[in-house]
Amino acid sequence: MRLKAFSIKEIDVRTAIAVGICVATVYVMTALDLNAYYQAMTAAISVLLCSLDNRRISWKSGLTRLAVTAIGGIMGICAVALDDIIRVPIIFVLLCILGILLTLALCQVAGLPYINCKIGGVTFVLVVLTRQGAERMTYAIFRFVSTFYGVVIVVGVAAVWELFHRARERVRA
């Protein structure tokens, strides 16, 4: 393995700024006593998954991530809500199977790339299987909101970065 020279690229700076915003948000929300449905880790993971080399591709990736997160998260919240009512283990297994199938199918119907459909499936699995008992619905909403926030931040940073990039190009011209 040949080592490359140390360098920090534009994408690295954008990604670090977006992760920093996600982490700083915890402090602001805690100070305002609003930290009920936000998790910096989940938001930061969304940032890492959506930040890509090209600003326009990052924008598109963020919008795609929003769509798959919405589909997987909503399917997960529905499965958790139904399981809280039914409470029969074999039915829960069937809800998981149905939830994954619906998540993948709805993502495909929305015209999303299949690998992104699988990320929607990951969102479904995390929402449905991370917690047990009465706190599952709260956690499902918590996870969903945090993922959305991370995507909104990466899309926002990409948009602001693009504006600064265009302004800099106009000044040079």
N, C-alpha and C. Protein backbone atom coordinates (compact mmCIF):
# COMPACT_ATOMS: atom_id res chain seq x y z
N MET A 1 0.84 -1.18 0.00
CA MET A 1 0.00 0.00 0.00
C MET A 1 0.88 1.24 0.00
N ARG A 2 0.60 2.12 -0.92
CA ARG A 2 1.36 3.36 -1.05
C ARG A 2 0.60 4.49 -0.36
N LEU A 3 1.28 5.20 0.52
CA LEU A 3 0.66 6.31 1.23
C LEU A 3 0.61 7.55 0.35
N LYS A 4 -0.49 8.29 0.45
CA LYS A 4 -0.63 9.55 -0.27
C LYS A 4 -0.24 10.70 0.65
N ALA A 5 0.03 11.83 0.05
CA ALA A 5 0.35 13.02 0.83
C ALA A 5 -0.90 13.49 1.58
N PHE A 6 -0.69 14.01 2.77
CA PHE A 6 -1.78 14.54 3.59
C PHE A 6 -2.39 15.75 2.89
N SER A 7 -3.71 15.75 2.77
CA SER A 7 -4.38 16.91 2.20
C SER A 7 -5.80 16.98 2.74
N ILE A 8 -6.30 18.19 2.79
CA ILE A 8 -7.69 18.42 3.18
C ILE A 8 -8.38 19.00 1.96
N LYS A 9 -9.43 18.33 1.54
CA LYS A 9 -10.16 18.74 0.34
C LYS A 9 -11.36 19.59 0.73
N GLU A 10 -11.95 20.21 -0.28
CA GLU A 10 -13.15 21.02 -0.08
C GLU A 10 -14.27 20.20 0.56
N ILE A 11 -14.46 18.98 0.10
CA ILE A 11 -15.51 18.12 0.66
C ILE A 11 -15.27 17.85 2.14
N ASP A 12 -14.00 17.71 2.53
CA ASP A 12 -13.67 17.46 3.93
C ASP A 12 -14.07 18.66 4.80
N VAL A 13 -13.83 19.85 4.29
CA VAL A 13 -14.19 21.06 5.03
C VAL A 13 -15.71 21.17 5.16
N ARG A 14 -16.41 20.97 4.04
CA ARG A 14 -17.89 21.03 4.08
C ARG A 14 -18.45 19.99 5.04
N THR A 15 -17.91 18.78 4.99
CA THR A 15 -18.38 17.71 5.86
C THR A 15 -18.13 18.05 7.33
N ALA A 16 -16.94 18.53 7.62
CA ALA A 16 -16.59 18.88 9.00
C ALA A 16 -17.46 20.01 9.53
N ILE A 17 -17.72 21.00 8.69
CA ILE A 17 -18.60 22.12 9.10
C ILE A 17 -20.00 21.60 9.40
N ALA A 18 -20.53 20.75 8.51
CA ALA A 18 -21.88 20.22 8.71
C ALA A 18 -21.96 19.36 9.97
N VAL A 19 -20.95 18.52 10.23
CA VAL A 19 -20.93 17.72 11.46
C VAL A 19 -20.85 18.65 12.67
N GLY A 20 -20.02 19.70 12.57
CA GLY A 20 -19.92 20.66 13.66
C GLY A 20 -21.24 21.33 13.98
N ILE A 21 -22.00 21.67 12.94
CA ILE A 21 -23.32 22.27 13.15
C ILE A 21 -24.24 21.28 13.86
N CYS A 22 -24.18 20.01 13.47
CA CYS A 22 -25.01 18.99 14.13
C CYS A 22 -24.67 18.86 15.61
N VAL A 23 -23.38 18.89 15.92
CA VAL A 23 -22.94 18.78 17.32
C VAL A 23 -23.30 20.05 18.09
N ALA A 24 -23.07 21.21 17.50
CA ALA A 24 -23.39 22.48 18.17
C ALA A 24 -24.88 22.60 18.46
N THR A 25 -25.69 22.02 17.60
CA THR A 25 -27.14 22.07 17.79
C THR A 25 -27.56 21.44 19.12
N VAL A 26 -26.85 20.38 19.53
CA VAL A 26 -27.15 19.75 20.83
C VAL A 26 -27.00 20.77 21.95
N TYR A 27 -25.92 21.54 21.92
CA TYR A 27 -25.68 22.52 22.98
C TYR A 27 -26.74 23.62 22.98
N VAL A 28 -27.10 24.08 21.79
CA VAL A 28 -28.12 25.13 21.69
C VAL A 28 -29.47 24.59 22.17
N MET A 29 -29.84 23.39 21.70
CA MET A 29 -31.13 22.82 22.09
C MET A 29 -31.18 22.52 23.59
N THR A 30 -30.07 22.07 24.14
CA THR A 30 -30.02 21.78 25.58
C THR A 30 -30.18 23.09 26.37
N ALA A 31 -29.49 24.14 25.93
CA ALA A 31 -29.60 25.43 26.61
C ALA A 31 -31.02 25.97 26.55
N LEU A 32 -31.73 25.68 25.46
CA LEU A 32 -33.11 26.14 25.31
C LEU A 32 -34.12 25.11 25.83
N ASP A 33 -33.61 24.02 26.39
CA ASP A 33 -34.44 22.93 26.92
C ASP A 33 -35.36 22.34 25.83
N LEU A 34 -34.80 22.17 24.61
CA LEU A 34 -35.56 21.65 23.48
C LEU A 34 -34.98 20.33 22.95
N ASN A 35 -34.17 19.64 23.71
CA ASN A 35 -33.44 18.49 23.21
C ASN A 35 -34.24 17.19 23.21
N ALA A 36 -35.54 17.25 23.15
CA ALA A 36 -36.38 16.06 23.28
C ALA A 36 -36.25 15.09 22.11
N TYR A 37 -36.15 15.57 20.89
CA TYR A 37 -36.18 14.68 19.73
C TYR A 37 -34.99 14.84 18.80
N TYR A 38 -33.80 15.08 19.34
CA TYR A 38 -32.64 15.29 18.49
C TYR A 38 -31.46 14.49 19.01
N GLN A 39 -30.73 13.88 18.09
CA GLN A 39 -29.54 13.11 18.43
C GLN A 39 -28.44 13.49 17.44
N ALA A 40 -27.36 14.10 17.94
CA ALA A 40 -26.28 14.56 17.08
C ALA A 40 -25.64 13.42 16.30
N MET A 41 -25.50 12.24 16.91
CA MET A 41 -24.87 11.11 16.23
C MET A 41 -25.63 10.75 14.95
N THR A 42 -26.93 10.64 15.04
CA THR A 42 -27.73 10.28 13.88
C THR A 42 -27.63 11.35 12.80
N ALA A 43 -27.70 12.60 13.20
CA ALA A 43 -27.59 13.70 12.23
C ALA A 43 -26.21 13.70 11.58
N ALA A 44 -25.16 13.48 12.37
CA ALA A 44 -23.80 13.48 11.82
C ALA A 44 -23.59 12.31 10.85
N ILE A 45 -24.17 11.17 11.12
CA ILE A 45 -24.08 10.04 10.20
C ILE A 45 -24.74 10.40 8.87
N SER A 46 -25.87 11.06 8.93
CA SER A 46 -26.53 11.52 7.69
C SER A 46 -25.62 12.46 6.91
N VAL A 47 -24.94 13.34 7.61
CA VAL A 47 -24.00 14.25 6.96
C VAL A 47 -22.92 13.45 6.24
N LEU A 48 -22.34 12.49 6.93
CA LEU A 48 -21.26 11.70 6.34
C LEU A 48 -21.72 10.91 5.12
N LEU A 49 -22.95 10.43 5.14
CA LEU A 49 -23.47 9.65 4.02
C LEU A 49 -23.85 10.52 2.82
N CYS A 50 -24.16 11.78 3.06
CA CYS A 50 -24.64 12.64 1.97
C CYS A 50 -23.59 13.57 1.40
N SER A 51 -22.51 13.80 2.11
CA SER A 51 -21.48 14.71 1.61
C SER A 51 -20.67 14.01 0.53
N LEU A 52 -20.73 14.57 -0.67
CA LEU A 52 -20.02 14.00 -1.81
C LEU A 52 -19.13 15.06 -2.45
N ASP A 53 -18.21 14.65 -3.31
CA ASP A 53 -17.22 15.55 -3.91
C ASP A 53 -17.82 16.79 -4.55
N ASN A 54 -18.82 16.60 -5.34
CA ASN A 54 -19.41 17.67 -6.11
C ASN A 54 -20.56 18.30 -5.33
N ARG A 55 -20.60 19.61 -5.24
CA ARG A 55 -21.65 20.28 -4.50
C ARG A 55 -23.04 19.91 -5.01
N ARG A 56 -23.18 19.85 -6.32
CA ARG A 56 -24.50 19.52 -6.90
C ARG A 56 -24.89 18.08 -6.58
N ILE A 57 -23.93 17.19 -6.61
CA ILE A 57 -24.22 15.78 -6.29
C ILE A 57 -24.56 15.65 -4.80
N SER A 58 -23.88 16.41 -3.94
CA SER A 58 -24.22 16.40 -2.51
C SER A 58 -25.66 16.86 -2.31
N TRP A 59 -26.04 17.89 -3.05
CA TRP A 59 -27.41 18.42 -2.98
C TRP A 59 -28.39 17.32 -3.37
N LYS A 60 -28.14 16.68 -4.50
CA LYS A 60 -29.03 15.61 -4.97
C LYS A 60 -29.02 14.43 -3.99
N SER A 61 -27.86 14.08 -3.48
CA SER A 61 -27.75 12.99 -2.51
C SER A 61 -28.54 13.31 -1.25
N GLY A 62 -28.45 14.56 -0.80
CA GLY A 62 -29.20 14.97 0.39
C GLY A 62 -30.71 14.88 0.18
N LEU A 63 -31.16 15.33 -0.99
CA LEU A 63 -32.59 15.24 -1.29
C LEU A 63 -33.05 13.78 -1.39
N THR A 64 -32.21 12.94 -1.99
CA THR A 64 -32.52 11.51 -2.07
C THR A 64 -32.58 10.91 -0.68
N ARG A 65 -31.62 11.29 0.17
CA ARG A 65 -31.59 10.79 1.54
C ARG A 65 -32.84 11.22 2.31
N LEU A 66 -33.28 12.46 2.08
CA LEU A 66 -34.52 12.91 2.72
C LEU A 66 -35.68 12.02 2.31
N ALA A 67 -35.77 11.69 1.04
CA ALA A 67 -36.88 10.86 0.56
C ALA A 67 -36.82 9.46 1.14
N VAL A 68 -35.65 8.82 1.12
CA VAL A 68 -35.58 7.44 1.63
C VAL A 68 -35.76 7.40 3.14
N THR A 69 -35.28 8.45 3.82
CA THR A 69 -35.47 8.53 5.27
C THR A 69 -36.94 8.69 5.60
N ALA A 70 -37.61 9.52 4.83
CA ALA A 70 -39.06 9.70 5.06
C ALA A 70 -39.79 8.39 4.87
N ILE A 71 -39.51 7.70 3.78
CA ILE A 71 -40.22 6.45 3.49
C ILE A 71 -39.90 5.39 4.54
N GLY A 72 -38.62 5.15 4.80
CA GLY A 72 -38.24 4.14 5.81
C GLY A 72 -38.70 4.50 7.21
N GLY A 73 -38.59 5.78 7.55
CA GLY A 73 -39.00 6.23 8.88
C GLY A 73 -40.50 6.12 9.09
N ILE A 74 -41.26 6.54 8.09
CA ILE A 74 -42.72 6.47 8.22
C ILE A 74 -43.18 5.01 8.28
N MET A 75 -42.58 4.15 7.46
CA MET A 75 -42.92 2.72 7.51
C MET A 75 -42.56 2.14 8.89
N GLY A 76 -41.42 2.57 9.43
CA GLY A 76 -41.01 2.10 10.76
C GLY A 76 -41.95 2.57 11.85
N ILE A 77 -42.34 3.83 11.79
CA ILE A 77 -43.28 4.38 12.78
C ILE A 77 -44.62 3.64 12.69
N CYS A 78 -45.07 3.34 11.49
CA CYS A 78 -46.32 2.57 11.32
C CYS A 78 -46.19 1.17 11.91
N ALA A 79 -45.07 0.51 11.66
CA ALA A 79 -44.86 -0.84 12.20
C ALA A 79 -44.84 -0.81 13.73
N VAL A 80 -44.14 0.18 14.30
CA VAL A 80 -44.08 0.30 15.77
C VAL A 80 -45.47 0.58 16.32
N ALA A 81 -46.22 1.46 15.69
CA ALA A 81 -47.58 1.79 16.16
C ALA A 81 -48.48 0.56 16.12
N LEU A 82 -48.42 -0.18 15.02
CA LEU A 82 -49.24 -1.40 14.92
C LEU A 82 -48.81 -2.45 15.94
N ASP A 83 -47.51 -2.61 16.12
CA ASP A 83 -47.03 -3.59 17.10
C ASP A 83 -47.44 -3.19 18.52
N ASP A 84 -47.46 -1.90 18.82
CA ASP A 84 -47.89 -1.46 20.15
C ASP A 84 -49.36 -1.80 20.40
N ILE A 85 -50.15 -1.88 19.33
CA ILE A 85 -51.57 -2.24 19.46
C ILE A 85 -51.75 -3.76 19.50
N ILE A 86 -51.08 -4.46 18.57
CA ILE A 86 -51.29 -5.90 18.41
C ILE A 86 -50.52 -6.73 19.44
N ARG A 87 -49.26 -6.46 19.62
CA ARG A 87 -48.39 -7.12 20.61
C ARG A 87 -48.36 -8.65 20.50
N VAL A 88 -48.23 -9.15 19.29
CA VAL A 88 -48.08 -10.59 19.05
C VAL A 88 -46.76 -10.76 18.29
N PRO A 89 -45.78 -11.48 18.89
CA PRO A 89 -44.45 -11.58 18.29
C PRO A 89 -44.43 -12.01 16.81
N ILE A 90 -45.20 -13.00 16.43
CA ILE A 90 -45.17 -13.45 15.04
C ILE A 90 -45.73 -12.37 14.10
N ILE A 91 -46.70 -11.60 14.60
CA ILE A 91 -47.25 -10.50 13.81
C ILE A 91 -46.19 -9.42 13.65
N PHE A 92 -45.39 -9.20 14.71
CA PHE A 92 -44.30 -8.22 14.62
C PHE A 92 -43.29 -8.63 13.55
N VAL A 93 -42.96 -9.91 13.50
CA VAL A 93 -42.05 -10.41 12.46
C VAL A 93 -42.65 -10.13 11.08
N LEU A 94 -43.93 -10.39 10.92
CA LEU A 94 -44.60 -10.13 9.65
C LEU A 94 -44.62 -8.63 9.33
N LEU A 95 -44.82 -7.81 10.36
CA LEU A 95 -44.78 -6.35 10.16
C LEU A 95 -43.40 -5.90 9.68
N CYS A 96 -42.35 -6.53 10.22
CA CYS A 96 -40.98 -6.20 9.78
C CYS A 96 -40.78 -6.59 8.32
N ILE A 97 -41.24 -7.77 7.95
CA ILE A 97 -41.12 -8.21 6.55
C ILE A 97 -41.90 -7.27 5.64
N LEU A 98 -43.13 -7.01 6.00
CA LEU A 98 -43.98 -6.12 5.20
C LEU A 98 -43.40 -4.71 5.14
N GLY A 99 -42.89 -4.23 6.27
CA GLY A 99 -42.31 -2.88 6.33
C GLY A 99 -41.10 -2.73 5.42
N ILE A 100 -40.22 -3.72 5.41
CA ILE A 100 -39.06 -3.68 4.53
C ILE A 100 -39.51 -3.73 3.07
N LEU A 101 -40.43 -4.64 2.77
CA LEU A 101 -40.93 -4.74 1.39
C LEU A 101 -41.56 -3.44 0.92
N LEU A 102 -42.40 -2.85 1.76
CA LEU A 102 -43.04 -1.58 1.39
C LEU A 102 -42.03 -0.45 1.26
N THR A 103 -41.05 -0.42 2.16
CA THR A 103 -40.02 0.61 2.10
C THR A 103 -39.26 0.51 0.77
N LEU A 104 -38.81 -0.68 0.43
CA LEU A 104 -38.06 -0.87 -0.81
C LEU A 104 -38.93 -0.55 -2.03
N ALA A 105 -40.18 -1.02 -2.00
CA ALA A 105 -41.08 -0.80 -3.14
C ALA A 105 -41.41 0.69 -3.31
N LEU A 106 -41.73 1.37 -2.21
CA LEU A 106 -42.07 2.79 -2.29
C LEU A 106 -40.88 3.64 -2.74
N CYS A 107 -39.69 3.28 -2.28
CA CYS A 107 -38.49 3.99 -2.74
C CYS A 107 -38.29 3.80 -4.24
N GLN A 108 -38.55 2.59 -4.72
CA GLN A 108 -38.41 2.34 -6.16
C GLN A 108 -39.49 3.08 -6.95
N VAL A 109 -40.71 3.09 -6.43
CA VAL A 109 -41.79 3.83 -7.08
C VAL A 109 -41.43 5.32 -7.17
N ALA A 110 -40.75 5.82 -6.16
CA ALA A 110 -40.33 7.23 -6.15
C ALA A 110 -39.16 7.47 -7.11
N GLY A 111 -38.66 6.40 -7.75
CA GLY A 111 -37.59 6.54 -8.72
C GLY A 111 -36.21 6.71 -8.12
N LEU A 112 -36.04 6.25 -6.89
CA LEU A 112 -34.75 6.40 -6.20
C LEU A 112 -33.82 5.24 -6.57
N PRO A 113 -32.51 5.49 -6.64
CA PRO A 113 -31.56 4.41 -6.95
C PRO A 113 -31.68 3.30 -5.90
N TYR A 114 -31.52 2.05 -6.34
CA TYR A 114 -31.77 0.92 -5.45
C TYR A 114 -30.88 0.94 -4.20
N ILE A 115 -29.62 1.34 -4.33
CA ILE A 115 -28.75 1.38 -3.15
C ILE A 115 -29.32 2.35 -2.12
N ASN A 116 -29.93 3.43 -2.57
CA ASN A 116 -30.56 4.37 -1.64
C ASN A 116 -31.83 3.77 -1.04
N CYS A 117 -32.51 2.93 -1.81
CA CYS A 117 -33.68 2.24 -1.27
C CYS A 117 -33.27 1.40 -0.07
N LYS A 118 -32.09 0.80 -0.15
CA LYS A 118 -31.59 0.00 0.97
C LYS A 118 -31.31 0.87 2.20
N ILE A 119 -30.87 2.11 1.98
CA ILE A 119 -30.67 3.02 3.10
C ILE A 119 -32.02 3.33 3.76
N GLY A 120 -33.08 3.41 2.95
CA GLY A 120 -34.43 3.53 3.51
C GLY A 120 -34.76 2.32 4.38
N GLY A 121 -34.32 1.14 3.92
CA GLY A 121 -34.50 -0.08 4.71
C GLY A 121 -33.73 -0.03 6.01
N VAL A 122 -32.52 0.52 5.98
CA VAL A 122 -31.73 0.68 7.21
C VAL A 122 -32.47 1.59 8.18
N THR A 123 -33.03 2.69 7.67
CA THR A 123 -33.81 3.59 8.53
C THR A 123 -34.97 2.83 9.16
N PHE A 124 -35.69 2.05 8.36
CA PHE A 124 -36.80 1.25 8.89
C PHE A 124 -36.31 0.34 10.02
N VAL A 125 -35.23 -0.40 9.78
CA VAL A 125 -34.70 -1.34 10.78
C VAL A 125 -34.29 -0.61 12.06
N LEU A 126 -33.60 0.52 11.92
CA LEU A 126 -33.18 1.26 13.11
C LEU A 126 -34.37 1.76 13.91
N VAL A 127 -35.38 2.26 13.22
CA VAL A 127 -36.57 2.77 13.90
C VAL A 127 -37.30 1.64 14.63
N VAL A 128 -37.41 0.49 13.98
CA VAL A 128 -38.22 -0.60 14.53
C VAL A 128 -37.48 -1.43 15.58
N LEU A 129 -36.17 -1.62 15.41
CA LEU A 129 -35.47 -2.61 16.24
C LEU A 129 -34.52 -2.05 17.29
N THR A 130 -34.27 -0.76 17.32
CA THR A 130 -33.29 -0.23 18.26
C THR A 130 -33.77 -0.26 19.71
N ARG A 131 -35.00 0.05 19.94
CA ARG A 131 -35.55 0.08 21.30
C ARG A 131 -36.69 -0.91 21.45
N GLN A 132 -37.00 -1.22 22.67
CA GLN A 132 -38.12 -2.13 22.98
C GLN A 132 -39.08 -1.42 23.92
N GLY A 133 -40.27 -1.94 23.99
CA GLY A 133 -41.26 -1.44 24.95
C GLY A 133 -41.85 -0.10 24.56
N ALA A 134 -42.30 0.61 25.58
CA ALA A 134 -43.05 1.85 25.38
C ALA A 134 -42.22 2.97 24.76
N GLU A 135 -40.91 2.93 24.92
CA GLU A 135 -40.08 4.02 24.40
C GLU A 135 -39.78 3.89 22.91
N ARG A 136 -40.26 2.83 22.25
CA ARG A 136 -39.98 2.64 20.83
C ARG A 136 -40.53 3.75 19.96
N MET A 137 -41.75 4.17 20.21
CA MET A 137 -42.34 5.22 19.37
C MET A 137 -41.59 6.53 19.54
N THR A 138 -41.25 6.87 20.77
CA THR A 138 -40.47 8.09 21.01
C THR A 138 -39.14 8.00 20.29
N TYR A 139 -38.48 6.85 20.42
CA TYR A 139 -37.19 6.68 19.75
C TYR A 139 -37.34 6.73 18.23
N ALA A 140 -38.42 6.16 17.70
CA ALA A 140 -38.65 6.16 16.26
C ALA A 140 -38.73 7.60 15.75
N ILE A 141 -39.48 8.42 16.45
CA ILE A 141 -39.61 9.83 16.06
C ILE A 141 -38.27 10.54 16.24
N PHE A 142 -37.59 10.25 17.34
CA PHE A 142 -36.28 10.82 17.67
C PHE A 142 -35.28 10.53 16.55
N ARG A 143 -35.22 9.30 16.12
CA ARG A 143 -34.29 8.87 15.06
C ARG A 143 -34.64 9.54 13.73
N PHE A 144 -35.90 9.56 13.43
CA PHE A 144 -36.40 10.13 12.18
C PHE A 144 -36.07 11.63 12.10
N VAL A 145 -36.38 12.37 13.14
CA VAL A 145 -36.13 13.81 13.18
C VAL A 145 -34.63 14.09 13.09
N SER A 146 -33.82 13.34 13.80
CA SER A 146 -32.37 13.56 13.79
C SER A 146 -31.77 13.29 12.42
N THR A 147 -32.22 12.23 11.77
CA THR A 147 -31.72 11.92 10.42
C THR A 147 -32.10 13.04 9.46
N PHE A 148 -33.34 13.47 9.53
CA PHE A 148 -33.79 14.57 8.68
C PHE A 148 -32.95 15.83 8.93
N TYR A 149 -32.67 16.11 10.18
CA TYR A 149 -31.90 17.30 10.51
C TYR A 149 -30.52 17.24 9.87
N GLY A 150 -29.85 16.10 9.98
CA GLY A 150 -28.52 15.95 9.37
C GLY A 150 -28.56 16.18 7.87
N VAL A 151 -29.58 15.66 7.23
CA VAL A 151 -29.71 15.85 5.78
C VAL A 151 -29.97 17.32 5.46
N VAL A 152 -30.83 17.95 6.21
CA VAL A 152 -31.11 19.37 5.99
C VAL A 152 -29.83 20.19 6.16
N ILE A 153 -29.02 19.86 7.15
CA ILE A 153 -27.76 20.57 7.38
C ILE A 153 -26.81 20.37 6.20
N VAL A 154 -26.63 19.13 5.74
CA VAL A 154 -25.69 18.90 4.63
C VAL A 154 -26.19 19.58 3.36
N VAL A 155 -27.48 19.57 3.12
CA VAL A 155 -28.04 20.25 1.95
C VAL A 155 -27.86 21.76 2.11
N GLY A 156 -28.10 22.27 3.30
CA GLY A 156 -27.92 23.70 3.55
C GLY A 156 -26.47 24.14 3.40
N VAL A 157 -25.54 23.38 3.95
CA VAL A 157 -24.12 23.71 3.81
C VAL A 157 -23.72 23.65 2.33
N ALA A 158 -24.18 22.64 1.61
CA ALA A 158 -23.87 22.54 0.18
C ALA A 158 -24.43 23.75 -0.58
N ALA A 159 -25.62 24.18 -0.24
CA ALA A 159 -26.23 25.33 -0.91
C ALA A 159 -25.46 26.62 -0.62
N VAL A 160 -25.12 26.84 0.65
CA VAL A 160 -24.37 28.04 1.02
C VAL A 160 -22.99 28.00 0.37
N TRP A 161 -22.36 26.84 0.37
CA TRP A 161 -21.04 26.68 -0.24
C TRP A 161 -21.12 27.03 -1.74
N GLU A 162 -22.17 26.55 -2.37
CA GLU A 162 -22.37 26.84 -3.80
C GLU A 162 -22.53 28.34 -4.04
N LEU A 163 -23.28 29.03 -3.18
CA LEU A 163 -23.46 30.48 -3.31
C LEU A 163 -22.13 31.21 -3.19
N PHE A 164 -21.32 30.81 -2.18
CA PHE A 164 -20.01 31.43 -2.01
C PHE A 164 -19.11 31.13 -3.20
N HIS A 165 -19.17 29.91 -3.70
CA HIS A 165 -18.36 29.50 -4.85
C HIS A 165 -18.73 30.34 -6.08
N ARG A 166 -20.01 30.52 -6.34
CA ARG A 166 -20.47 31.33 -7.48
C ARG A 166 -20.05 32.80 -7.32
N ALA A 167 -20.19 33.32 -6.10
CA ALA A 167 -19.82 34.72 -5.84
C ALA A 167 -18.31 34.90 -6.08
N ARG A 168 -17.54 33.95 -5.63
CA ARG A 168 -16.07 34.02 -5.81
C ARG A 168 -15.71 33.98 -7.29
N GLU A 169 -16.43 33.16 -8.08
CA GLU A 169 -16.18 33.07 -9.52
C GLU A 169 -16.55 34.40 -10.20
N ARG A 170 -17.63 35.05 -9.75
CA ARG A 170 -18.03 36.33 -10.33
C ARG A 170 -16.99 37.41 -10.04
N VAL A 171 -16.43 37.38 -8.85
CA VAL A 171 -15.40 38.36 -8.48
C VAL A 171 -14.16 38.16 -9.35
N ARG A 172 -13.80 36.93 -9.62
CA ARG A 172 -12.63 36.62 -10.44
C ARG A 172 -12.85 37.02 -11.89
N ALA A 173 -14.09 37.01 -12.34
CA ALA A 173 -14.37 37.29 -13.77
C ALA A 173 -14.33 38.75 -14.13
